[in-house]
PDB file of N, CA and C in Angstrom:
ATOM      1  N   MET A   1      95.820  81.776  99.769  1.00  0.00           N
ATOM      2  CA  MET A   1      94.662  81.324 100.516  1.00  0.00           C
ATOM      3  C   MET A   1      93.435  82.039  99.946  1.00  0.00           C
ATOM      4  N   SER A   2      92.383  81.314  99.699  1.00  0.00           N
ATOM      5  CA  SER A   2      91.170  81.910  99.149  1.00  0.00           C
ATOM      6  C   SER A   2      90.453  82.709 100.219  1.00  0.00           C
ATOM      7  N   ASP A   3      89.533  83.599  99.797  1.00  0.00           N
ATOM      8  CA  ASP A   3      88.772  84.407 100.742  1.00  0.00           C
ATOM      9  C   ASP A   3      87.968  83.533 101.688  1.00  0.00           C
ATOM     10  N   SER A   4      87.369  82.452 101.173  1.00  0.00           N
ATOM     11  CA  SER A   4      86.559  81.604 102.042  1.00  0.00           C
ATOM     12  C   SER A   4      87.435  80.852 103.041  1.00  0.00           C
ATOM     13  N   ALA A   5      88.638  80.447 102.615  1.00  0.00           N
ATOM     14  CA  ALA A   5      89.545  79.775 103.546  1.00  0.00           C
ATOM     15  C   ALA A   5      90.005  80.748 104.617  1.00  0.00           C
ATOM     16  N   SER A   6      90.265  81.999 104.219  1.00  0.00           N
ATOM     17  CA  SER A   6      90.681  83.017 105.179  1.00  0.00           C
ATOM     18  C   SER A   6      89.559  83.308 106.165  1.00  0.00           C
ATOM     19  N   ALA A   7      88.331  83.399 105.668  1.00  0.00           N
ATOM     20  CA  ALA A   7      87.186  83.671 106.529  1.00  0.00           C
ATOM     21  C   ALA A   7      86.970  82.526 107.513  1.00  0.00           C
ATOM     22  N   SER A   8      87.094  81.285 107.043  1.00  0.00           N
ATOM     23  CA  SER A   8      86.883  80.160 107.951  1.00  0.00           C
ATOM     24  C   SER A   8      88.028  80.051 108.959  1.00  0.00           C
ATOM     25  N   ARG A   9      89.221  80.460 108.551  1.00  0.00           N
ATOM     26  CA  ARG A   9      90.357  80.444 109.466  1.00  0.00           C
ATOM     27  C   ARG A   9      90.126  81.444 110.592  1.00  0.00           C
ATOM     28  N   ASN A  10      89.503  82.593 110.272  1.00  0.00           N
ATOM     29  CA  ASN A  10      89.318  83.644 111.262  1.00  0.00           C
ATOM     30  C   ASN A  10      88.041  83.469 112.076  1.00  0.00           C
ATOM     31  N   ALA A  11      87.084  82.724 111.585  1.00  0.00           N
ATOM     32  CA  ALA A  11      85.812  82.566 112.274  1.00  0.00           C
ATOM     33  C   ALA A  11      86.017  81.865 113.603  1.00  0.00           C
ATOM     34  N   GLY A  12      85.761  82.588 114.689  1.00  0.00           N
ATOM     35  CA  GLY A  12      85.871  82.009 116.011  1.00  0.00           C
ATOM     36  C   GLY A  12      87.296  81.777 116.479  1.00  0.00           C
ATOM     37  N   ALA A  13      88.267  82.211 115.711  1.00  0.00           N
ATOM     38  CA  ALA A  13      89.653  82.005 116.102  1.00  0.00           C
ATOM     39  C   ALA A  13      90.041  82.980 117.212  1.00  0.00           C
ATOM     40  N   LYS A  14      90.910  82.505 118.097  1.00  0.00           N
ATOM     41  CA  LYS A  14      91.429  83.382 119.135  1.00  0.00           C
ATOM     42  C   LYS A  14      92.430  84.338 118.500  1.00  0.00           C
ATOM     43  N   PRO A  15      92.506  85.557 119.032  1.00  0.00           N
ATOM     44  CA  PRO A  15      93.501  86.481 118.491  1.00  0.00           C
ATOM     45  C   PRO A  15      94.915  85.939 118.691  1.00  0.00           C
ATOM     46  N   SER A  16      95.763  86.205 117.755  1.00  0.00           N
ATOM     47  CA  SER A  16      97.165  85.839 117.834  1.00  0.00           C
ATOM     48  C   SER A  16      97.830  86.735 118.884  1.00  0.00           C
ATOM     49  N   VAL A  17      98.755  86.198 119.671  1.00  0.00           N
ATOM     50  CA  VAL A  17      99.463  86.979 120.679  1.00  0.00           C
ATOM     51  C   VAL A  17     100.864  87.291 120.162  1.00  0.00           C
ATOM     52  N   LEU A  18     101.199  88.581 120.151  1.00  0.00           N
ATOM     53  CA  LEU A  18     102.503  89.032 119.691  1.00  0.00           C
ATOM     54  C   LEU A  18     103.198  89.776 120.819  1.00  0.00           C
ATOM     55  N   SER A  19     104.466  89.525 120.998  1.00  0.00           N
ATOM     56  CA  SER A  19     105.248  90.214 122.011  1.00  0.00           C
ATOM     57  C   SER A  19     106.159  91.210 121.308  1.00  0.00           C
ATOM     58  N   LEU A  20     106.172  92.445 121.797  1.00  0.00           N
ATOM     59  CA  LEU A  20     106.983  93.486 121.171  1.00  0.00           C
ATOM     60  C   LEU A  20     107.737  94.236 122.258  1.00  0.00           C
ATOM     61  N   ASN A  21     109.052  94.312 122.109  1.00  0.00           N
ATOM     62  CA  ASN A  21     109.900  95.022 123.061  1.00  0.00           C
ATOM     63  C   ASN A  21     110.512  96.217 122.344  1.00  0.00           C
ATOM     64  N   ILE A  22     110.155  97.411 122.786  1.00  0.00           N
ATOM     65  CA  ILE A  22     110.703  98.635 122.195  1.00  0.00           C
ATOM     66  C   ILE A  22     111.590  99.277 123.252  1.00  0.00           C
ATOM     67  N   ASN A  23     112.895  99.368 122.951  1.00  0.00           N
ATOM     68  CA  ASN A  23     113.825  99.811 123.978  1.00  0.00           C
ATOM     69  C   ASN A  23     114.427 101.194 123.765  1.00  0.00           C
ATOM     70  N   SER A  24     113.926 101.946 122.772  1.00  0.00           N
ATOM     71  CA  SER A  24     114.421 103.310 122.579  1.00  0.00           C
ATOM     72  C   SER A  24     113.329 104.176 121.959  1.00  0.00           C
ATOM     73  N   LYS A  25     113.488 105.474 122.147  1.00  0.00           N
ATOM     74  CA  LYS A  25     112.522 106.418 121.590  1.00  0.00           C
ATOM     75  C   LYS A  25     112.548 106.365 120.057  1.00  0.00           C
ATOM     76  N   SER A  26     113.729 106.168 119.462  1.00  0.00           N
ATOM     77  CA  SER A  26     113.804 106.109 117.999  1.00  0.00           C
ATOM     78  C   SER A  26     113.113 104.856 117.464  1.00  0.00           C
ATOM     79  N   ALA A  27     113.234 103.734 118.182  1.00  0.00           N
ATOM     80  CA  ALA A  27     112.528 102.511 117.766  1.00  0.00           C
ATOM     81  C   ALA A  27     111.018 102.695 117.904  1.00  0.00           C
ATOM     82  N   LEU A  28     110.589 103.391 118.957  1.00  0.00           N
ATOM     83  CA  LEU A  28     109.162 103.664 119.143  1.00  0.00           C
ATOM     84  C   LEU A  28     108.648 104.563 118.031  1.00  0.00           C
ATOM     85  N   TYR A  29     109.406 105.590 117.680  1.00  0.00           N
ATOM     86  CA  TYR A  29     109.015 106.483 116.586  1.00  0.00           C
ATOM     87  C   TYR A  29     108.856 105.699 115.282  1.00  0.00           C
ATOM     88  N   SER A  30     109.788 104.794 115.011  1.00  0.00           N
ATOM     89  CA  SER A  30     109.748 104.006 113.769  1.00  0.00           C
ATOM     90  C   SER A  30     108.563 103.055 113.718  1.00  0.00           C
ATOM     91  N   ALA A  31     108.113 102.575 114.884  1.00  0.00           N
ATOM     92  CA  ALA A  31     107.032 101.588 114.934  1.00  0.00           C
ATOM     93  C   ALA A  31     105.649 102.212 115.083  1.00  0.00           C
ATOM     94  N   TYR A  32     105.562 103.411 115.671  1.00  0.00           N
ATOM     95  CA  TYR A  32     104.253 103.996 115.964  1.00  0.00           C
ATOM     96  C   TYR A  32     103.582 104.511 114.688  1.00  0.00           C
ATOM     97  N   MET A  33     102.266 104.328 114.615  1.00  0.00           N
ATOM     98  CA  MET A  33     101.478 104.734 113.449  1.00  0.00           C
ATOM     99  C   MET A  33     100.453 105.798 113.879  1.00  0.00           C
ATOM    100  N   PRO A  34     100.890 107.084 114.005  1.00  0.00           N
ATOM    101  CA  PRO A  34     100.002 108.139 114.495  1.00  0.00           C
ATOM    102  C   PRO A  34      98.896 108.508 113.514  1.00  0.00           C
ATOM    103  N   PHE A  35      99.046 108.131 112.252  1.00  0.00           N
ATOM    104  CA  PHE A  35      98.038 108.474 111.250  1.00  0.00           C
ATOM    105  C   PHE A  35      96.786 107.611 111.370  1.00  0.00           C
ATOM    106  N   LEU A  36      96.817 106.586 112.213  1.00  0.00           N
ATOM    107  CA  LEU A  36      95.625 105.774 112.465  1.00  0.00           C
ATOM    108  C   LEU A  36      94.770 106.464 113.521  1.00  0.00           C
ATOM    109  N   LYS A  37      93.470 106.422 113.352  1.00  0.00           N
ATOM    110  CA  LYS A  37      92.546 107.119 114.244  1.00  0.00           C
ATOM    111  C   LYS A  37      92.813 106.821 115.721  1.00  0.00           C
ATOM    112  N   ARG A  38      93.039 105.584 116.065  1.00  0.00           N
ATOM    113  CA  ARG A  38      93.268 105.206 117.463  1.00  0.00           C
ATOM    114  C   ARG A  38      94.738 104.904 117.748  1.00  0.00           C
ATOM    115  N   GLY A  39      95.603 105.200 116.793  1.00  0.00           N
ATOM    116  CA  GLY A  39      97.007 104.876 116.938  1.00  0.00           C
ATOM    117  C   GLY A  39      97.245 103.404 116.658  1.00  0.00           C
ATOM    118  N   GLY A  40      98.485 103.052 116.486  1.00  0.00           N
ATOM    119  CA  GLY A  40      98.825 101.660 116.223  1.00  0.00           C
ATOM    120  C   GLY A  40     100.323 101.471 116.181  1.00  0.00           C
ATOM    121  N   LEU A  41     100.729 100.228 116.024  1.00  0.00           N
ATOM    122  CA  LEU A  41     102.144  99.890 115.981  1.00  0.00           C
ATOM    123  C   LEU A  41     102.448  98.968 114.817  1.00  0.00           C
ATOM    124  N   PHE A  42     103.617  99.151 114.245  1.00  0.00           N
ATOM    125  CA  PHE A  42     104.138  98.219 113.255  1.00  0.00           C
ATOM    126  C   PHE A  42     104.888  97.138 114.018  1.00  0.00           C
ATOM    127  N   ILE A  43     104.601  95.889 113.700  1.00  0.00           N
ATOM    128  CA  ILE A  43     105.242  94.763 114.375  1.00  0.00           C
ATOM    129  C   ILE A  43     105.938  93.898 113.334  1.00  0.00           C
ATOM    130  N   PRO A  44     107.270  93.824 113.399  1.00  0.00           N
ATOM    131  CA  PRO A  44     107.985  92.959 112.460  1.00  0.00           C
ATOM    132  C   PRO A  44     107.593  91.496 112.706  1.00  0.00           C
ATOM    133  N   THR A  45     107.204  90.814 111.656  1.00  0.00           N
ATOM    134  CA  THR A  45     106.856  89.400 111.762  1.00  0.00           C
ATOM    135  C   THR A  45     106.885  88.771 110.378  1.00  0.00           C
ATOM    136  N   THR A  46     107.198  87.482 110.343  1.00  0.00           N
ATOM    137  CA  THR A  46     107.154  86.750 109.081  1.00  0.00           C
ATOM    138  C   THR A  46     105.866  85.927 108.988  1.00  0.00           C
ATOM    139  N   ARG A  47     105.069  85.930 110.064  1.00  0.00           N
ATOM    140  CA  ARG A  47     103.790  85.212 110.046  1.00  0.00           C
ATOM    141  C   ARG A  47     102.816  85.880 109.097  1.00  0.00           C
ATOM    142  N   GLU A  48     101.967  85.081 108.476  1.00  0.00           N
ATOM    143  CA  GLU A  48     100.978  85.629 107.555  1.00  0.00           C
ATOM    144  C   GLU A  48      99.717  86.039 108.301  1.00  0.00           C
ATOM    145  N   TYR A  49      99.220  87.211 107.962  1.00  0.00           N
ATOM    146  CA  TYR A  49      97.992  87.742 108.529  1.00  0.00           C
ATOM    147  C   TYR A  49      97.137  88.279 107.394  1.00  0.00           C
ATOM    148  N   ALA A  50      95.863  88.471 107.682  1.00  0.00           N
ATOM    149  CA  ALA A  50      94.940  89.084 106.732  1.00  0.00           C
ATOM    150  C   ALA A  50      94.439  90.377 107.350  1.00  0.00           C
ATOM    151  N   PHE A  51      94.013  91.303 106.497  1.00  0.00           N
ATOM    152  CA  PHE A  51      93.427  92.535 107.004  1.00  0.00           C
ATOM    153  C   PHE A  51      92.245  92.187 107.900  1.00  0.00           C
ATOM    154  N   GLY A  52      92.174  92.835 109.046  1.00  0.00           N
ATOM    155  CA  GLY A  52      91.073  92.606 109.967  1.00  0.00           C
ATOM    156  C   GLY A  52      91.345  91.533 111.008  1.00  0.00           C
ATOM    157  N   ASP A  53      92.426  90.753 110.851  1.00  0.00           N
ATOM    158  CA  ASP A  53      92.748  89.740 111.866  1.00  0.00           C
ATOM    159  C   ASP A  53      92.924  90.435 113.209  1.00  0.00           C
ATOM    160  N   GLU A  54      92.359  89.824 114.249  1.00  0.00           N
ATOM    161  CA  GLU A  54      92.527  90.363 115.594  1.00  0.00           C
ATOM    162  C   GLU A  54      93.814  89.835 116.187  1.00  0.00           C
ATOM    163  N   VAL A  55      94.545  90.731 116.850  1.00  0.00           N
ATOM    164  CA  VAL A  55      95.785  90.354 117.505  1.00  0.00           C
ATOM    165  C   VAL A  55      95.801  90.944 118.909  1.00  0.00           C
ATOM    166  N   PHE A  56      96.616  90.360 119.752  1.00  0.00           N
ATOM    167  CA  PHE A  56      96.787  90.836 121.114  1.00  0.00           C
ATOM    168  C   PHE A  56      98.280  91.069 121.302  1.00  0.00           C
ATOM    169  N   ILE A  57      98.649  92.296 121.654  1.00  0.00           N
ATOM    170  CA  ILE A  57     100.055  92.667 121.780  1.00  0.00           C
ATOM    171  C   ILE A  57     100.430  92.760 123.255  1.00  0.00           C
ATOM    172  N   LEU A  58     101.565  92.186 123.587  1.00  0.00           N
ATOM    173  CA  LEU A  58     102.164  92.392 124.907  1.00  0.00           C
ATOM    174  C   LEU A  58     103.368  93.292 124.661  1.00  0.00           C
ATOM    175  N   LEU A  59     103.207  94.575 124.998  1.00  0.00           N
ATOM    176  CA  LEU A  59     104.200  95.595 124.673  1.00  0.00           C
ATOM    177  C   LEU A  59     105.053  95.951 125.881  1.00  0.00           C
ATOM    178  N   THR A  60     106.360  95.909 125.693  1.00  0.00           N
ATOM    179  CA  THR A  60     107.296  96.397 126.698  1.00  0.00           C
ATOM    180  C   THR A  60     107.910  97.672 126.145  1.00  0.00           C
ATOM    181  N   LEU A  61     107.719  98.771 126.865  1.00  0.00           N
ATOM    182  CA  LEU A  61     108.239 100.072 126.439  1.00  0.00           C
ATOM    183  C   LEU A  61     109.435 100.480 127.284  1.00  0.00           C
ATOM    184  N   MET A  62     110.552 100.581 126.676  1.00  0.00           N
ATOM    185  CA  MET A  62     111.795 101.057 127.268  1.00  0.00           C
ATOM    186  C   MET A  62     112.003 100.579 128.701  1.00  0.00           C
ATOM    187  N   ASP A  63     111.959 101.480 129.670  1.00  0.00           N
ATOM    188  CA  ASP A  63     112.276 101.116 131.053  1.00  0.00           C
ATOM    189  C   ASP A  63     111.057 100.712 131.873  1.00  0.00           C
ATOM    190  N   GLU A  64     109.894 100.586 131.239  1.00  0.00           N
ATOM    191  CA  GLU A  64     108.679 100.201 131.963  1.00  0.00           C
ATOM    192  C   GLU A  64     108.830  98.769 132.461  1.00  0.00           C
ATOM    193  N   PRO A  65     108.571  98.515 133.738  1.00  0.00           N
ATOM    194  CA  PRO A  65     108.725  97.158 134.253  1.00  0.00           C
ATOM    195  C   PRO A  65     107.616  96.201 133.800  1.00  0.00           C
ATOM    196  N   ALA A  66     106.431  96.726 133.554  1.00  0.00           N
ATOM    197  CA  ALA A  66     105.292  95.863 133.206  1.00  0.00           C
ATOM    198  C   ALA A  66     105.032  95.881 131.704  1.00  0.00           C
ATOM    199  N   ARG A  67     104.556  94.735 131.199  1.00  0.00           N
ATOM    200  CA  ARG A  67     104.115  94.660 129.808  1.00  0.00           C
ATOM    201  C   ARG A  67     102.736  95.288 129.701  1.00  0.00           C
ATOM    202  N   LEU A  68     102.510  95.997 128.610  1.00  0.00           N
ATOM    203  CA  LEU A  68     101.216  96.627 128.382  1.00  0.00           C
ATOM    204  C   LEU A  68     100.406  95.746 127.440  1.00  0.00           C
ATOM    205  N   PRO A  69      99.253  95.246 127.879  1.00  0.00           N
ATOM    206  CA  PRO A  69      98.420  94.408 127.002  1.00  0.00           C
ATOM    207  C   PRO A  69      97.538  95.289 126.122  1.00  0.00           C
ATOM    208  N   ILE A  70      97.554  95.022 124.819  1.00  0.00           N
ATOM    209  CA  ILE A  70      96.774  95.831 123.872  1.00  0.00           C
ATOM    210  C   ILE A  70      96.081  94.914 122.869  1.00  0.00           C
ATOM    211  N   ALA A  71      94.791  95.092 122.716  1.00  0.00           N
ATOM    212  CA  ALA A  71      94.052  94.396 121.659  1.00  0.00           C
ATOM    213  C   ALA A  71      94.042  95.295 120.430  1.00  0.00           C
ATOM    214  N   GLY A  72      93.996  94.683 119.254  1.00  0.00           N
ATOM    215  CA  GLY A  72      93.955  95.464 118.023  1.00  0.00           C
ATOM    216  C   GLY A  72      93.638  94.592 116.836  1.00  0.00           C
ATOM    217  N   SER A  73      93.675  95.229 115.656  1.00  0.00           N
ATOM    218  CA  SER A  73      93.420  94.483 114.424  1.00  0.00           C
ATOM    219  C   SER A  73      94.405  94.921 113.343  1.00  0.00           C
ATOM    220  N   VAL A  74      94.689  93.990 112.438  1.00  0.00           N
ATOM    221  CA  VAL A  74      95.647  94.228 111.361  1.00  0.00           C
ATOM    222  C   VAL A  74      95.041  95.178 110.332  1.00  0.00           C
ATOM    223  N   VAL A  75      95.747  96.301 110.101  1.00  0.00           N
ATOM    224  CA  VAL A  75      95.284  97.290 109.125  1.00  0.00           C
ATOM    225  C   VAL A  75      96.363  97.619 108.088  1.00  0.00           C
ATOM    226  N   TRP A  76      97.543  97.022 108.240  1.00  0.00           N
ATOM    227  CA  TRP A  76      98.674  97.323 107.355  1.00  0.00           C
ATOM    228  C   TRP A  76      99.491  96.059 107.206  1.00  0.00           C
ATOM    229  N   MET A  77      99.978  95.813 106.018  1.00  0.00           N
ATOM    230  CA  MET A  77     100.881  94.678 105.807  1.00  0.00           C
ATOM    231  C   MET A  77     102.028  95.110 104.910  1.00  0.00           C
ATOM    232  N   THR A  78     103.229  94.785 105.330  1.00  0.00           N
ATOM    233  CA  THR A  78     104.411  94.998 104.504  1.00  0.00           C
ATOM    234  C   THR A  78     104.971  93.613 104.192  1.00  0.00           C
ATOM    235  N   PRO A  79     104.809  93.172 102.947  1.00  0.00           N
ATOM    236  CA  PRO A  79     105.274  91.824 102.593  1.00  0.00           C
ATOM    237  C   PRO A  79     106.802  91.768 102.463  1.00  0.00           C
ATOM    238  N   GLU A  80     107.299  90.561 102.453  1.00  0.00           N
ATOM    239  CA  GLU A  80     108.728  90.333 102.256  1.00  0.00           C
ATOM    240  C   GLU A  80     109.147  90.908 100.907  1.00  0.00           C
ATOM    241  N   GLY A  81     110.337  91.499 100.863  1.00  0.00           N
ATOM    242  CA  GLY A  81     110.882  92.000  99.603  1.00  0.00           C
ATOM    243  C   GLY A  81     110.285  93.311  99.131  1.00  0.00           C
ATOM    244  N   THR A  82     109.677  94.069 100.017  1.00  0.00           N
ATOM    245  CA  THR A  82     109.077  95.342  99.641  1.00  0.00           C
ATOM    246  C   THR A  82     110.158  96.326  99.212  1.00  0.00           C
ATOM    247  N   GLN A  83     109.842  97.131  98.210  1.00  0.00           N
ATOM    248  CA  GLN A  83     110.762  98.132  97.699  1.00  0.00           C
ATOM    249  C   GLN A  83     111.233  99.040  98.833  1.00  0.00           C
ATOM    250  N   GLY A  84     112.493  99.422  98.801  1.00  0.00           N
ATOM    251  CA  GLY A  84     113.045 100.302  99.809  1.00  0.00           C
ATOM    252  C   GLY A  84     113.536  99.570 101.046  1.00  0.00           C
ATOM    253  N   ASN A  85     113.611  98.250 100.957  1.00  0.00           N
ATOM    254  CA  ASN A  85     114.097  97.423 102.071  1.00  0.00           C
ATOM    255  C   ASN A  85     113.330  97.641 103.369  1.00  0.00           C
ATOM    256  N   LYS A  86     112.033  97.876 103.270  1.00  0.00           N
ATOM    257  CA  LYS A  86     111.198  98.010 104.469  1.00  0.00           C
ATOM    258  C   LYS A  86     111.110  96.652 105.159  1.00  0.00           C
ATOM    259  N   ALA A  87     111.043  96.687 106.488  1.00  0.00           N
ATOM    260  CA  ALA A  87     110.929  95.450 107.264  1.00  0.00           C
ATOM    261  C   ALA A  87     109.592  94.777 106.997  1.00  0.00           C
ATOM    262  N   GLN A  88     109.599  93.458 106.899  1.00  0.00           N
ATOM    263  CA  GLN A  88     108.377  92.687 106.733  1.00  0.00           C
ATOM    264  C   GLN A  88     107.614  92.710 108.051  1.00  0.00           C
ATOM    265  N   GLY A  89     106.292  92.888 107.976  1.00  0.00           N
ATOM    266  CA  GLY A  89     105.502  92.860 109.200  1.00  0.00           C
ATOM    267  C   GLY A  89     104.093  93.382 108.990  1.00  0.00           C
ATOM    268  N   ILE A  90     103.435  93.672 110.116  1.00  0.00           N
ATOM    269  CA  ILE A  90     102.044  94.127 110.078  1.00  0.00           C
ATOM    270  C   ILE A  90     101.880  95.396 110.909  1.00  0.00           C
ATOM    271  N   GLY A  91     100.891  96.182 110.541  1.00  0.00           N
ATOM    272  CA  GLY A  91     100.496  97.343 111.325  1.00  0.00           C
ATOM    273  C   GLY A  91      99.215  96.984 112.047  1.00  0.00           C
ATOM    274  N   VAL A  92      99.187  97.230 113.350  1.00  0.00           N
ATOM    275  CA  VAL A  92      98.033  96.889 114.176  1.00  0.00           C
ATOM    276  C   VAL A  92      97.435  98.167 114.749  1.00  0.00           C
ATOM    277  N   GLN A  93      96.160  98.403 114.437  1.00  0.00           N
ATOM    278  CA  GLN A  93      95.456  99.545 115.012  1.00  0.00           C
ATOM    279  C   GLN A  93      94.942  99.154 116.388  1.00  0.00           C
ATOM    280  N   PHE A  94      95.152 100.042 117.373  1.00  0.00           N
ATOM    281  CA  PHE A  94      94.695  99.763 118.726  1.00  0.00           C
ATOM    282  C   PHE A  94      93.177  99.705 118.774  1.00  0.00           C
ATOM    283  N   ALA A  95      92.659  98.838 119.631  1.00  0.00           N
ATOM    284  CA  ALA A  95      91.215  98.742 119.852  1.00  0.00           C
ATOM    285  C   ALA A  95      90.725 100.037 120.506  1.00  0.00           C
ATOM    286  N   SER A  96      89.423 100.280 120.430  1.00  0.00           N
ATOM    287  CA  SER A  96      88.862 101.513 120.993  1.00  0.00           C
ATOM    288  C   SER A  96      88.554 101.380 122.479  1.00  0.00           C
ATOM    289  N   ASP A  97      89.091 100.346 123.132  1.00  0.00           N
ATOM    290  CA  ASP A  97      88.849 100.158 124.562  1.00  0.00           C
ATOM    291  C   ASP A  97      89.828 100.995 125.396  1.00  0.00           C
ATOM    292  N   GLU A  98      89.694 100.892 126.700  1.00  0.00           N
ATOM    293  CA  GLU A  98      90.522 101.686 127.618  1.00  0.00           C
ATOM    294  C   GLU A  98      92.016 101.406 127.461  1.00  0.00           C
ATOM    295  N   SER A  99      92.392 100.138 127.280  1.00  0.00           N
ATOM    296  CA  SER A  99      93.819  99.821 127.152  1.00  0.00           C
ATOM    297  C   SER A  99      94.399 100.435 125.874  1.00  0.00           C
ATOM    298  N   GLY A 100      93.630 100.419 124.799  1.00  0.00           N
ATOM    299  CA  GLY A 100      94.093 101.026 123.553  1.00  0.00           C
ATOM    300  C   GLY A 100      94.294 102.522 123.691  1.00  0.00           C
ATOM    301  N   ARG A 101      93.323 103.193 124.324  1.00  0.00           N
ATOM    302  CA  ARG A 101      93.441 104.641 124.526  1.00  0.00           C
ATOM    303  C   ARG A 101      94.614 104.972 125.453  1.00  0.00           C
ATOM    304  N   ALA A 102      94.792 104.177 126.505  1.00  0.00           N
ATOM    305  CA  ALA A 102      95.873 104.428 127.465  1.00  0.00           C
ATOM    306  C   ALA A 102      97.243 104.281 126.798  1.00  0.00           C
ATOM    307  N   VAL A 103      97.414 103.259 125.972  1.00  0.00           N
ATOM    308  CA  VAL A 103      98.694 103.055 125.301  1.00  0.00           C
ATOM    309  C   VAL A 103      98.945 104.153 124.276  1.00  0.00           C
ATOM    310  N   GLN A 104      97.912 104.551 123.544  1.00  0.00           N
ATOM    311  CA  GLN A 104      98.066 105.635 122.573  1.00  0.00           C
ATOM    312  C   GLN A 104      98.539 106.906 123.293  1.00  0.00           C
ATOM    313  N   GLN A 105      97.904 107.246 124.403  1.00  0.00           N
ATOM    314  CA  GLN A 105      98.294 108.443 125.152  1.00  0.00           C
ATOM    315  C   GLN A 105      99.714 108.315 125.701  1.00  0.00           C
ATOM    316  N   LYS A 106     100.067 107.152 126.201  1.00  0.00           N
ATOM    317  CA  LYS A 106     101.404 106.922 126.754  1.00  0.00           C
ATOM    318  C   LYS A 106     102.468 107.095 125.661  1.00  0.00           C
ATOM    319  N   ILE A 107     102.239 106.469 124.505  1.00  0.00           N
ATOM    320  CA  ILE A 107     103.206 106.558 123.405  1.00  0.00           C
ATOM    321  C   ILE A 107     103.326 107.996 122.911  1.00  0.00           C
ATOM    322  N   GLU A 108     102.197 108.672 122.727  1.00  0.00           N
ATOM    323  CA  GLU A 108     102.243 110.049 122.223  1.00  0.00           C
ATOM    324  C   GLU A 108     102.876 110.981 123.249  1.00  0.00           C
ATOM    325  N   GLY A 109     102.723 110.671 124.540  1.00  0.00           N
ATOM    326  CA  GLY A 109     103.400 111.441 125.579  1.00  0.00           C
ATOM    327  C   GLY A 109     104.910 111.261 125.512  1.00  0.00           C
ATOM    328  N   ILE A 110     105.356 110.046 125.258  1.00  0.00           N
ATOM    329  CA  ILE A 110     106.792 109.760 125.149  1.00  0.00           C
ATOM    330  C   ILE A 110     107.369 110.437 123.909  1.00  0.00           C
ATOM    331  N   LEU A 111     106.667 110.340 122.797  1.00  0.00           N
ATOM    332  CA  LEU A 111     107.188 110.877 121.536  1.00  0.00           C
ATOM    333  C   LEU A 111     107.059 112.394 121.435  1.00  0.00           C
ATOM    334  N   GLY A 112     106.035 112.961 122.057  1.00  0.00           N
ATOM    335  CA  GLY A 112     105.867 114.414 122.065  1.00  0.00           C
ATOM    336  C   GLY A 112     106.036 115.044 120.696  1.00  0.00           C
ATOM    337  N   GLY A 113     106.974 115.992 120.604  1.00  0.00           N
ATOM    338  CA  GLY A 113     107.212 116.737 119.369  1.00  0.00           C
ATOM    339  C   GLY A 113     107.758 115.910 118.228  1.00  0.00           C
ATOM    340  N   HIS A 114     108.253 114.701 118.518  1.00  0.00           N
ATOM    341  CA  HIS A 114     108.787 113.847 117.452  1.00  0.00           C
ATOM    342  C   HIS A 114     107.696 113.380 116.488  1.00  0.00           C
ATOM    343  N   LEU A 115     106.421 113.445 116.924  1.00  0.00           N
ATOM    344  CA  LEU A 115     105.322 112.972 116.077  1.00  0.00           C
ATOM    345  C   LEU A 115     105.222 113.748 114.769  1.00  0.00           C
ATOM    346  N   SER A 116     105.687 114.991 114.757  1.00  0.00           N
ATOM    347  CA  SER A 116     105.593 115.796 113.534  1.00  0.00           C
ATOM    348  C   SER A 116     106.859 115.695 112.676  1.00  0.00           C
ATOM    349  N   SER A 117     107.782 114.835 113.057  1.00  0.00           N
ATOM    350  CA  SER A 117     109.026 114.665 112.304  1.00  0.00           C
ATOM    351  C   SER A 117     108.725 114.079 110.918  1.00  0.00           C
ATOM    352  N   THR A 118     109.629 114.341 109.997  1.00  0.00           N
ATOM    353  CA  THR A 118     109.491 113.787 108.648  1.00  0.00           C
ATOM    354  C   THR A 118     110.423 112.599 108.429  1.00  0.00           C
ATOM    355  N   ARG A 119     111.079 112.141 109.503  1.00  0.00           N
ATOM    356  CA  ARG A 119     111.953 110.964 109.407  1.00  0.00           C
ATOM    357  C   ARG A 119     111.157 109.747 108.972  1.00  0.00           C
ATOM    358  N   ALA A 120     111.775 108.893 108.186  1.00  0.00           N
ATOM    359  CA  ALA A 120     111.106 107.667 107.710  1.00  0.00           C
ATOM    360  C   ALA A 120     110.794 106.730 108.869  1.00  0.00           C
ATOM    361  N   THR A 121     109.709 105.990 108.720  1.00  0.00           N
ATOM    362  CA  THR A 121     109.318 104.986 109.702  1.00  0.00           C
ATOM    363  C   THR A 121     109.202 103.644 108.994  1.00  0.00           C
ATOM    364  N   HIS A 122     108.749 102.621 109.721  1.00  0.00           N
ATOM    365  CA  HIS A 122     108.564 101.305 109.115  1.00  0.00           C
ATOM    366  C   HIS A 122     107.396 101.286 108.132  1.00  0.00           C
ATOM    367  N   THR A 123     106.496 102.278 108.238  1.00  0.00           N
ATOM    368  CA  THR A 123     105.304 102.248 107.391  1.00  0.00           C
ATOM    369  C   THR A 123     105.295 103.351 106.335  1.00  0.00           C
ATOM    370  N   LEU A 124     105.595 104.568 106.709  1.00  0.00           N
ATOM    371  CA  LEU A 124     105.566 105.678 105.740  1.00  0.00           C
ATOM    372  C   LEU A 124     106.865 106.437 105.730  1.00  0.00           C
TER     373      LEU A 124
END
């Protein structure tokens, strides 16, 4: 897709809605992107996105009964067939609004000391 086609596709487009269910602390660790200023999540998907695309995530965290709504933008892409058998998908940085800050704090509270682990994740 050319840059102009991508720009026209995104102009005035509604954010894409993605649903993500994380049911364990290890899955959350693998998906969370603490190196982003506002935090973010890796979302496995085969859909094509461009850097900067706005997305809306409906996140279910482990035993939480309610879905957490999060706005964000695409800042990372792992294409199909990436070296090291990494999962195909996108990294979404949380928006700087209240919901983004609340989810970042909630995730970092759950992960606690695991954030400094050197275990591999979906992104690094």
